[in-house]
Amino acid sequence: MPKHKPYDALIVGGGHNGLTCACYLAGAGYRVRVLERRDVVGGAAITEEFFPGFRNSAAAYTVSLLHPKVIGDLKLAEHGLRIIERPLANFLPLPGKSYLKIGNATGQTQTEVGRYSARDAERLPDYYAMLERAGEITGAGEPVVTASDDQRVVRFVVRHSL
């Protein structure tokens, strides 16, 4: 039986979060092993063909949640990360031939919502402001990893690994 050096950390799941954790641990000098049940790693960040000739990342819309510190620390741009802005945030088909386009700007979305309800379109900025306040209260939007937390996170993961 081949002998190998023991690992400091075992990451179960090769999704984008597991891979990010593994990169930080390895960067801190730990020996890391990542286990993934699928034939491909990346989790929600992978691009797959969902219909012949059409490829998309299942979670591409969440790239805005990717903290700039992680992008920089892991040198993702040097490894090919390229973020392409979408002209719309969402496209919602409705019964018949109707639809609702949610824009990247409040004005775009207000115009679309206004096709169905002038009152709702007028109140949309208030709704967005309420969501911002809720995010401030819950702490949404706060950095997941900060420079001062790096070593503490690494120590916690290693301590609670195999």
N, C-alpha and C. Protein backbone atom coordinates (compact mmCIF):
# COMPACT_ATOMS: atom_id res chain seq x y z
N MET A 1 0.85 -1.18 0.00
CA MET A 1 0.00 0.00 0.00
C MET A 1 0.90 1.24 0.00
N PRO A 2 0.62 2.21 -0.93
CA PRO A 2 1.46 3.41 -0.99
C PRO A 2 1.29 4.26 0.27
N LYS A 3 2.39 4.84 0.68
CA LYS A 3 2.35 5.73 1.85
C LYS A 3 2.29 7.16 1.37
N HIS A 4 1.57 7.98 2.08
CA HIS A 4 1.51 9.40 1.78
C HIS A 4 1.54 10.17 3.09
N LYS A 5 1.93 11.42 2.97
CA LYS A 5 1.96 12.27 4.15
C LYS A 5 0.52 12.59 4.54
N PRO A 6 0.25 12.72 5.83
CA PRO A 6 -1.11 13.06 6.24
C PRO A 6 -1.48 14.48 5.81
N TYR A 7 -2.75 14.70 5.66
CA TYR A 7 -3.25 16.02 5.30
C TYR A 7 -3.59 16.80 6.56
N ASP A 8 -3.45 18.10 6.48
CA ASP A 8 -3.85 18.95 7.59
C ASP A 8 -5.34 19.21 7.57
N ALA A 9 -5.91 19.20 6.36
CA ALA A 9 -7.34 19.49 6.22
C ALA A 9 -7.92 18.67 5.08
N LEU A 10 -9.14 18.22 5.29
CA LEU A 10 -9.87 17.48 4.28
C LEU A 10 -11.13 18.29 3.98
N ILE A 11 -11.30 18.67 2.73
CA ILE A 11 -12.47 19.44 2.32
C ILE A 11 -13.40 18.48 1.58
N VAL A 12 -14.60 18.30 2.10
CA VAL A 12 -15.57 17.42 1.46
C VAL A 12 -16.48 18.30 0.61
N GLY A 13 -16.35 18.14 -0.69
CA GLY A 13 -17.14 18.93 -1.63
C GLY A 13 -16.25 19.89 -2.39
N GLY A 14 -16.16 19.69 -3.70
CA GLY A 14 -15.33 20.54 -4.55
C GLY A 14 -16.12 21.63 -5.23
N GLY A 15 -17.11 22.16 -4.53
CA GLY A 15 -17.85 23.30 -5.06
C GLY A 15 -17.02 24.57 -4.92
N HIS A 16 -17.57 25.68 -5.35
CA HIS A 16 -16.81 26.92 -5.32
C HIS A 16 -16.41 27.32 -3.90
N ASN A 17 -17.25 27.04 -2.91
CA ASN A 17 -16.88 27.38 -1.53
C ASN A 17 -15.78 26.47 -1.01
N GLY A 18 -15.89 25.18 -1.29
CA GLY A 18 -14.85 24.24 -0.86
C GLY A 18 -13.51 24.54 -1.50
N LEU A 19 -13.53 24.85 -2.80
CA LEU A 19 -12.29 25.17 -3.49
C LEU A 19 -11.66 26.46 -2.96
N THR A 20 -12.50 27.44 -2.66
CA THR A 20 -11.99 28.69 -2.10
C THR A 20 -11.33 28.44 -0.75
N CYS A 21 -12.00 27.66 0.09
CA CYS A 21 -11.44 27.32 1.40
C CYS A 21 -10.12 26.58 1.23
N ALA A 22 -10.09 25.61 0.31
CA ALA A 22 -8.86 24.84 0.08
C ALA A 22 -7.73 25.75 -0.38
N CYS A 23 -8.02 26.71 -1.23
CA CYS A 23 -6.97 27.64 -1.70
C CYS A 23 -6.40 28.47 -0.55
N TYR A 24 -7.27 28.97 0.31
CA TYR A 24 -6.79 29.76 1.45
C TYR A 24 -5.95 28.89 2.39
N LEU A 25 -6.41 27.68 2.65
CA LEU A 25 -5.65 26.79 3.53
C LEU A 25 -4.30 26.44 2.93
N ALA A 26 -4.28 26.07 1.64
CA ALA A 26 -3.02 25.73 0.99
C ALA A 26 -2.10 26.94 0.95
N GLY A 27 -2.66 28.11 0.72
CA GLY A 27 -1.86 29.34 0.71
C GLY A 27 -1.24 29.64 2.06
N ALA A 28 -1.89 29.15 3.13
CA ALA A 28 -1.36 29.35 4.48
C ALA A 28 -0.37 28.25 4.85
N GLY A 29 -0.08 27.34 3.90
CA GLY A 29 0.93 26.32 4.13
C GLY A 29 0.42 24.96 4.57
N TYR A 30 -0.88 24.77 4.60
CA TYR A 30 -1.44 23.50 5.02
C TYR A 30 -1.55 22.54 3.83
N ARG A 31 -1.40 21.24 4.11
CA ARG A 31 -1.62 20.20 3.09
C ARG A 31 -3.12 19.91 3.07
N VAL A 32 -3.71 20.09 1.90
CA VAL A 32 -5.17 20.01 1.78
C VAL A 32 -5.56 18.96 0.75
N ARG A 33 -6.61 18.24 1.03
CA ARG A 33 -7.19 17.30 0.07
C ARG A 33 -8.65 17.67 -0.11
N VAL A 34 -9.09 17.76 -1.38
CA VAL A 34 -10.48 18.07 -1.70
C VAL A 34 -11.12 16.82 -2.29
N LEU A 35 -12.26 16.43 -1.76
CA LEU A 35 -13.01 15.28 -2.27
C LEU A 35 -14.31 15.77 -2.90
N GLU A 36 -14.59 15.31 -4.11
CA GLU A 36 -15.81 15.70 -4.82
C GLU A 36 -16.42 14.45 -5.46
N ARG A 37 -17.71 14.24 -5.31
CA ARG A 37 -18.36 13.05 -5.86
C ARG A 37 -18.59 13.15 -7.36
N ARG A 38 -18.71 14.35 -7.89
CA ARG A 38 -18.95 14.52 -9.33
C ARG A 38 -17.64 14.41 -10.10
N ASP A 39 -17.77 14.29 -11.41
CA ASP A 39 -16.60 14.23 -12.29
C ASP A 39 -16.00 15.61 -12.53
N VAL A 40 -16.68 16.64 -12.10
CA VAL A 40 -16.25 18.01 -12.34
C VAL A 40 -16.33 18.79 -11.02
N VAL A 41 -15.38 19.68 -10.80
CA VAL A 41 -15.42 20.52 -9.59
C VAL A 41 -15.92 21.91 -9.95
N GLY A 42 -16.34 22.65 -8.95
CA GLY A 42 -16.77 24.02 -9.17
C GLY A 42 -18.16 24.33 -8.66
N GLY A 43 -18.95 23.30 -8.42
CA GLY A 43 -20.30 23.51 -7.88
C GLY A 43 -21.13 24.42 -8.75
N ALA A 44 -21.76 25.41 -8.12
CA ALA A 44 -22.65 26.33 -8.84
C ALA A 44 -21.89 27.25 -9.78
N ALA A 45 -20.57 27.26 -9.69
CA ALA A 45 -19.78 28.17 -10.53
C ALA A 45 -19.39 27.57 -11.88
N ILE A 46 -19.78 26.32 -12.13
CA ILE A 46 -19.38 25.70 -13.40
C ILE A 46 -20.34 26.12 -14.52
N THR A 47 -19.86 26.02 -15.73
CA THR A 47 -20.69 26.29 -16.90
C THR A 47 -21.03 24.95 -17.53
N GLU A 48 -22.33 24.72 -17.73
CA GLU A 48 -22.77 23.46 -18.30
C GLU A 48 -23.73 23.72 -19.46
N GLU A 49 -23.80 22.78 -20.36
CA GLU A 49 -24.73 22.86 -21.49
C GLU A 49 -26.10 22.39 -20.99
N PHE A 50 -27.08 23.30 -20.97
CA PHE A 50 -28.41 22.94 -20.48
C PHE A 50 -29.35 22.55 -21.60
N PHE A 51 -28.96 22.88 -22.84
CA PHE A 51 -29.70 22.54 -24.04
C PHE A 51 -28.67 22.54 -25.15
N PRO A 52 -28.78 21.64 -26.12
CA PRO A 52 -27.73 21.57 -27.15
C PRO A 52 -27.38 22.95 -27.73
N GLY A 53 -26.11 23.32 -27.55
CA GLY A 53 -25.61 24.60 -28.06
C GLY A 53 -25.75 25.77 -27.11
N PHE A 54 -26.40 25.56 -25.95
CA PHE A 54 -26.60 26.65 -24.99
C PHE A 54 -25.92 26.31 -23.67
N ARG A 55 -24.96 27.16 -23.28
CA ARG A 55 -24.20 26.94 -22.05
C ARG A 55 -24.42 28.12 -21.12
N ASN A 56 -24.48 27.82 -19.83
CA ASN A 56 -24.65 28.88 -18.84
C ASN A 56 -24.14 28.38 -17.50
N SER A 57 -23.72 29.32 -16.68
CA SER A 57 -23.35 29.00 -15.31
C SER A 57 -24.62 29.04 -14.46
N ALA A 58 -24.84 28.00 -13.70
CA ALA A 58 -26.05 27.91 -12.90
C ALA A 58 -26.20 29.09 -11.93
N ALA A 59 -25.11 29.61 -11.45
CA ALA A 59 -25.17 30.69 -10.46
C ALA A 59 -24.45 31.94 -10.95
N ALA A 60 -24.41 32.16 -12.25
CA ALA A 60 -23.70 33.31 -12.78
C ALA A 60 -24.24 34.62 -12.21
N TYR A 61 -25.52 34.66 -11.92
CA TYR A 61 -26.11 35.90 -11.40
C TYR A 61 -25.57 36.26 -10.03
N THR A 62 -24.98 35.32 -9.32
CA THR A 62 -24.48 35.60 -7.97
C THR A 62 -23.03 36.07 -7.96
N VAL A 63 -22.44 36.27 -9.13
CA VAL A 63 -21.03 36.67 -9.16
C VAL A 63 -20.84 38.00 -8.42
N SER A 64 -21.90 38.79 -8.32
CA SER A 64 -21.77 40.05 -7.58
C SER A 64 -21.51 39.81 -6.11
N LEU A 65 -21.79 38.60 -5.63
CA LEU A 65 -21.52 38.26 -4.23
C LEU A 65 -20.07 37.85 -4.00
N LEU A 66 -19.32 37.65 -5.07
CA LEU A 66 -17.92 37.26 -4.96
C LEU A 66 -17.12 38.47 -4.49
N HIS A 67 -16.61 38.37 -3.29
CA HIS A 67 -15.93 39.51 -2.66
C HIS A 67 -14.64 39.85 -3.41
N PRO A 68 -14.40 41.13 -3.67
CA PRO A 68 -13.18 41.54 -4.38
C PRO A 68 -11.90 41.05 -3.72
N LYS A 69 -11.90 40.90 -2.40
CA LYS A 69 -10.71 40.40 -1.71
C LYS A 69 -10.40 38.97 -2.16
N VAL A 70 -11.43 38.15 -2.30
CA VAL A 70 -11.22 36.77 -2.75
C VAL A 70 -10.71 36.77 -4.19
N ILE A 71 -11.28 37.60 -5.04
CA ILE A 71 -10.82 37.70 -6.43
C ILE A 71 -9.34 38.05 -6.48
N GLY A 72 -8.93 39.01 -5.64
CA GLY A 72 -7.53 39.42 -5.60
C GLY A 72 -6.62 38.39 -4.96
N ASP A 73 -7.03 37.88 -3.80
CA ASP A 73 -6.20 36.90 -3.08
C ASP A 73 -5.90 35.67 -3.93
N LEU A 74 -6.90 35.19 -4.65
CA LEU A 74 -6.74 33.96 -5.42
C LEU A 74 -6.31 34.23 -6.87
N LYS A 75 -6.07 35.53 -7.17
CA LYS A 75 -5.61 35.92 -8.51
C LYS A 75 -6.50 35.32 -9.60
N LEU A 76 -7.81 35.45 -9.39
CA LEU A 76 -8.76 34.82 -10.29
C LEU A 76 -8.70 35.40 -11.71
N ALA A 77 -8.45 36.69 -11.84
CA ALA A 77 -8.34 37.28 -13.18
C ALA A 77 -7.16 36.68 -13.94
N GLU A 78 -6.06 36.42 -13.23
CA GLU A 78 -4.89 35.79 -13.87
C GLU A 78 -5.18 34.36 -14.30
N HIS A 79 -6.20 33.75 -13.68
CA HIS A 79 -6.57 32.38 -14.02
C HIS A 79 -7.76 32.34 -14.97
N GLY A 80 -8.13 33.49 -15.52
CA GLY A 80 -9.17 33.51 -16.55
C GLY A 80 -10.52 34.07 -16.15
N LEU A 81 -10.69 34.51 -14.91
CA LEU A 81 -11.99 35.07 -14.53
C LEU A 81 -12.24 36.34 -15.33
N ARG A 82 -13.38 36.37 -15.97
CA ARG A 82 -13.81 37.55 -16.72
C ARG A 82 -15.28 37.73 -16.41
N ILE A 83 -15.62 38.85 -15.82
CA ILE A 83 -17.01 39.11 -15.45
C ILE A 83 -17.65 39.94 -16.55
N ILE A 84 -18.73 39.42 -17.10
CA ILE A 84 -19.45 40.10 -18.17
C ILE A 84 -20.79 40.56 -17.61
N GLU A 85 -21.02 41.85 -17.67
CA GLU A 85 -22.28 42.41 -17.17
C GLU A 85 -23.44 42.01 -18.08
N ARG A 86 -24.55 41.64 -17.48
CA ARG A 86 -25.74 41.29 -18.25
C ARG A 86 -26.57 42.55 -18.46
N PRO A 87 -27.24 42.66 -19.60
CA PRO A 87 -28.09 43.84 -19.82
C PRO A 87 -29.34 43.83 -18.95
N LEU A 88 -29.74 42.65 -18.47
CA LEU A 88 -30.91 42.52 -17.60
C LEU A 88 -30.53 41.70 -16.38
N ALA A 89 -31.16 42.01 -15.26
CA ALA A 89 -30.95 41.19 -14.07
C ALA A 89 -31.76 39.90 -14.19
N ASN A 90 -32.99 40.00 -14.68
CA ASN A 90 -33.85 38.83 -14.83
C ASN A 90 -34.86 39.04 -15.95
N PHE A 91 -35.26 37.95 -16.57
CA PHE A 91 -36.32 37.95 -17.57
C PHE A 91 -37.35 36.95 -17.09
N LEU A 92 -38.57 37.42 -16.90
CA LEU A 92 -39.62 36.55 -16.36
C LEU A 92 -40.74 36.39 -17.40
N PRO A 93 -40.81 35.24 -18.05
CA PRO A 93 -41.92 35.03 -18.99
C PRO A 93 -43.22 34.89 -18.21
N LEU A 94 -44.28 35.46 -18.75
CA LEU A 94 -45.60 35.41 -18.11
C LEU A 94 -46.57 34.71 -19.06
N PRO A 95 -47.75 34.36 -18.57
CA PRO A 95 -48.72 33.67 -19.44
C PRO A 95 -48.98 34.46 -20.74
N GLY A 96 -49.27 33.72 -21.77
CA GLY A 96 -49.48 34.34 -23.07
C GLY A 96 -48.13 34.73 -23.65
N LYS A 97 -48.08 35.87 -24.26
CA LYS A 97 -46.81 36.34 -24.83
C LYS A 97 -46.23 37.48 -24.02
N SER A 98 -46.66 37.60 -22.78
CA SER A 98 -46.21 38.69 -21.93
C SER A 98 -44.92 38.32 -21.20
N TYR A 99 -44.27 39.31 -20.64
CA TYR A 99 -43.01 39.12 -19.93
C TYR A 99 -42.75 40.33 -19.05
N LEU A 100 -41.78 40.16 -18.15
CA LEU A 100 -41.32 41.26 -17.31
C LEU A 100 -39.80 41.22 -17.31
N LYS A 101 -39.19 42.33 -17.68
CA LYS A 101 -37.73 42.42 -17.67
C LYS A 101 -37.32 43.24 -16.45
N ILE A 102 -36.47 42.66 -15.62
CA ILE A 102 -35.94 43.37 -14.46
C ILE A 102 -34.57 43.89 -14.88
N GLY A 103 -34.46 45.22 -14.92
CA GLY A 103 -33.23 45.83 -15.41
C GLY A 103 -32.14 45.91 -14.36
N ASN A 104 -30.98 46.38 -14.80
CA ASN A 104 -29.87 46.60 -13.87
C ASN A 104 -29.95 47.98 -13.23
N ALA A 105 -30.88 48.79 -13.70
CA ALA A 105 -31.08 50.13 -13.15
C ALA A 105 -32.54 50.27 -12.75
N THR A 106 -32.79 51.03 -11.70
CA THR A 106 -34.15 51.19 -11.21
C THR A 106 -35.07 51.73 -12.29
N GLY A 107 -34.60 52.68 -13.09
CA GLY A 107 -35.45 53.26 -14.14
C GLY A 107 -35.92 52.23 -15.15
N GLN A 108 -35.03 51.31 -15.54
CA GLN A 108 -35.41 50.24 -16.47
C GLN A 108 -36.54 49.40 -15.88
N THR A 109 -36.37 49.02 -14.64
CA THR A 109 -37.35 48.16 -13.99
C THR A 109 -38.66 48.91 -13.77
N GLN A 110 -38.58 50.18 -13.41
CA GLN A 110 -39.80 50.96 -13.22
C GLN A 110 -40.61 51.02 -14.52
N THR A 111 -39.94 51.20 -15.64
CA THR A 111 -40.62 51.24 -16.93
C THR A 111 -41.36 49.93 -17.18
N GLU A 112 -40.70 48.83 -16.92
CA GLU A 112 -41.32 47.52 -17.13
C GLU A 112 -42.50 47.31 -16.19
N VAL A 113 -42.30 47.57 -14.90
CA VAL A 113 -43.36 47.38 -13.92
C VAL A 113 -44.53 48.31 -14.25
N GLY A 114 -44.23 49.50 -14.75
CA GLY A 114 -45.26 50.47 -15.12
C GLY A 114 -46.20 49.96 -16.19
N ARG A 115 -45.78 48.99 -16.98
CA ARG A 115 -46.68 48.42 -17.99
C ARG A 115 -47.83 47.67 -17.33
N TYR A 116 -47.64 47.26 -16.08
CA TYR A 116 -48.65 46.50 -15.36
C TYR A 116 -49.29 47.31 -14.23
N SER A 117 -48.49 48.19 -13.60
CA SER A 117 -49.01 48.96 -12.46
C SER A 117 -48.19 50.24 -12.28
N ALA A 118 -48.81 51.37 -12.58
CA ALA A 118 -48.13 52.66 -12.40
C ALA A 118 -47.81 52.90 -10.92
N ARG A 119 -48.74 52.49 -10.05
CA ARG A 119 -48.53 52.68 -8.61
C ARG A 119 -47.32 51.88 -8.13
N ASP A 120 -47.21 50.62 -8.53
CA ASP A 120 -46.07 49.81 -8.12
C ASP A 120 -44.76 50.35 -8.68
N ALA A 121 -44.80 50.83 -9.90
CA ALA A 121 -43.59 51.40 -10.51
C ALA A 121 -43.13 52.63 -9.74
N GLU A 122 -44.08 53.44 -9.34
CA GLU A 122 -43.76 54.65 -8.57
C GLU A 122 -43.17 54.31 -7.21
N ARG A 123 -43.63 53.24 -6.59
CA ARG A 123 -43.18 52.87 -5.26
C ARG A 123 -41.93 51.99 -5.26
N LEU A 124 -41.46 51.57 -6.43
CA LEU A 124 -40.31 50.67 -6.52
C LEU A 124 -39.06 51.19 -5.80
N PRO A 125 -38.70 52.48 -5.95
CA PRO A 125 -37.52 52.97 -5.20
C PRO A 125 -37.66 52.81 -3.68
N ASP A 126 -38.89 53.00 -3.17
CA ASP A 126 -39.12 52.81 -1.73
C ASP A 126 -38.90 51.35 -1.34
N TYR A 127 -39.33 50.45 -2.20
CA TYR A 127 -39.15 49.02 -1.95
C TYR A 127 -37.66 48.68 -1.92
N TYR A 128 -36.90 49.18 -2.90
CA TYR A 128 -35.46 48.93 -2.93
C TYR A 128 -34.78 49.52 -1.70
N ALA A 129 -35.22 50.70 -1.26
CA ALA A 129 -34.64 51.33 -0.06
C ALA A 129 -34.91 50.47 1.17
N MET A 130 -36.12 49.88 1.24
CA MET A 130 -36.45 48.99 2.36
C MET A 130 -35.54 47.77 2.35
N LEU A 131 -35.27 47.21 1.17
CA LEU A 131 -34.37 46.07 1.08
C LEU A 131 -32.96 46.44 1.54
N GLU A 132 -32.50 47.64 1.19
CA GLU A 132 -31.18 48.10 1.65
C GLU A 132 -31.13 48.19 3.16
N ARG A 133 -32.19 48.75 3.76
CA ARG A 133 -32.24 48.86 5.22
C ARG A 133 -32.23 47.48 5.86
N ALA A 134 -32.98 46.54 5.29
CA ALA A 134 -33.01 45.17 5.83
C ALA A 134 -31.62 44.55 5.74
N GLY A 135 -30.91 44.80 4.65
CA GLY A 135 -29.55 44.28 4.50
C GLY A 135 -28.61 44.85 5.55
N GLU A 136 -28.78 46.13 5.87
CA GLU A 136 -27.94 46.75 6.89
C GLU A 136 -28.21 46.15 8.26
N ILE A 137 -29.48 45.87 8.54
CA ILE A 137 -29.86 45.31 9.84
C ILE A 137 -29.32 43.89 9.99
N THR A 138 -29.44 43.09 8.93
CA THR A 138 -29.02 41.68 9.01
C THR A 138 -27.53 41.49 8.79
N GLY A 139 -26.84 42.54 8.33
CA GLY A 139 -25.42 42.41 8.06
C GLY A 139 -25.12 41.88 6.67
N ALA A 140 -26.14 41.74 5.84
CA ALA A 140 -25.92 41.27 4.46
C ALA A 140 -25.01 42.27 3.76
N GLY A 141 -24.13 41.77 2.96
CA GLY A 141 -23.21 42.64 2.24
C GLY A 141 -21.89 42.84 2.94
N GLU A 142 -21.78 42.36 4.18
CA GLU A 142 -20.52 42.46 4.90
C GLU A 142 -19.53 41.47 4.32
N PRO A 143 -18.24 41.79 4.34
CA PRO A 143 -17.25 40.85 3.81
C PRO A 143 -17.29 39.52 4.55
N VAL A 144 -17.18 38.44 3.80
CA VAL A 144 -17.18 37.11 4.40
C VAL A 144 -15.83 36.85 5.05
N VAL A 145 -14.76 37.25 4.39
CA VAL A 145 -13.40 37.04 4.91
C VAL A 145 -12.71 38.39 4.93
N THR A 146 -12.15 38.74 6.04
CA THR A 146 -11.36 39.97 6.12
C THR A 146 -9.93 39.58 6.44
N ALA A 147 -9.02 40.50 6.21
CA ALA A 147 -7.60 40.20 6.43
C ALA A 147 -7.36 39.72 7.86
N SER A 148 -8.03 40.32 8.83
CA SER A 148 -7.80 39.91 10.21
C SER A 148 -8.40 38.54 10.51
N ASP A 149 -9.37 38.11 9.71
CA ASP A 149 -10.01 36.82 9.94
C ASP A 149 -9.30 35.66 9.28
N ASP A 150 -8.44 35.92 8.30
CA ASP A 150 -7.83 34.84 7.51
C ASP A 150 -7.24 33.74 8.37
N GLN A 151 -6.33 34.07 9.27
CA GLN A 151 -5.65 33.06 10.07
C GLN A 151 -6.62 32.39 11.04
N ARG A 152 -7.57 33.14 11.57
CA ARG A 152 -8.54 32.56 12.50
C ARG A 152 -9.40 31.53 11.76
N VAL A 153 -9.83 31.82 10.53
CA VAL A 153 -10.62 30.88 9.74
C VAL A 153 -9.80 29.64 9.44
N VAL A 154 -8.56 29.83 9.04
CA VAL A 154 -7.68 28.70 8.73
C VAL A 154 -7.51 27.82 9.96
N ARG A 155 -7.24 28.42 11.11
CA ARG A 155 -7.05 27.64 12.34
C ARG A 155 -8.33 26.87 12.69
N PHE A 156 -9.49 27.51 12.55
CA PHE A 156 -10.76 26.85 12.86
C PHE A 156 -10.98 25.65 11.95
N VAL A 157 -10.77 25.83 10.66
CA VAL A 157 -10.99 24.74 9.71
C VAL A 157 -10.04 23.58 9.97
N VAL A 158 -8.78 23.88 10.20
CA VAL A 158 -7.81 22.82 10.45
C VAL A 158 -8.14 22.11 11.76
N ARG A 159 -8.47 22.85 12.79
CA ARG A 159 -8.78 22.25 14.09
C ARG A 159 -10.00 21.33 13.98
N HIS A 160 -10.95 21.65 13.11
CA HIS A 160 -12.18 20.87 13.00
C HIS A 160 -12.16 19.92 11.80
N SER A 161 -10.99 19.71 11.24
CA SER A 161 -10.84 18.74 10.15
C SER A 161 -10.39 17.41 10.72
N LEU A 162 -10.09 16.48 9.83
CA LEU A 162 -9.64 15.15 10.29
C LEU A 162 -8.43 15.21 11.17
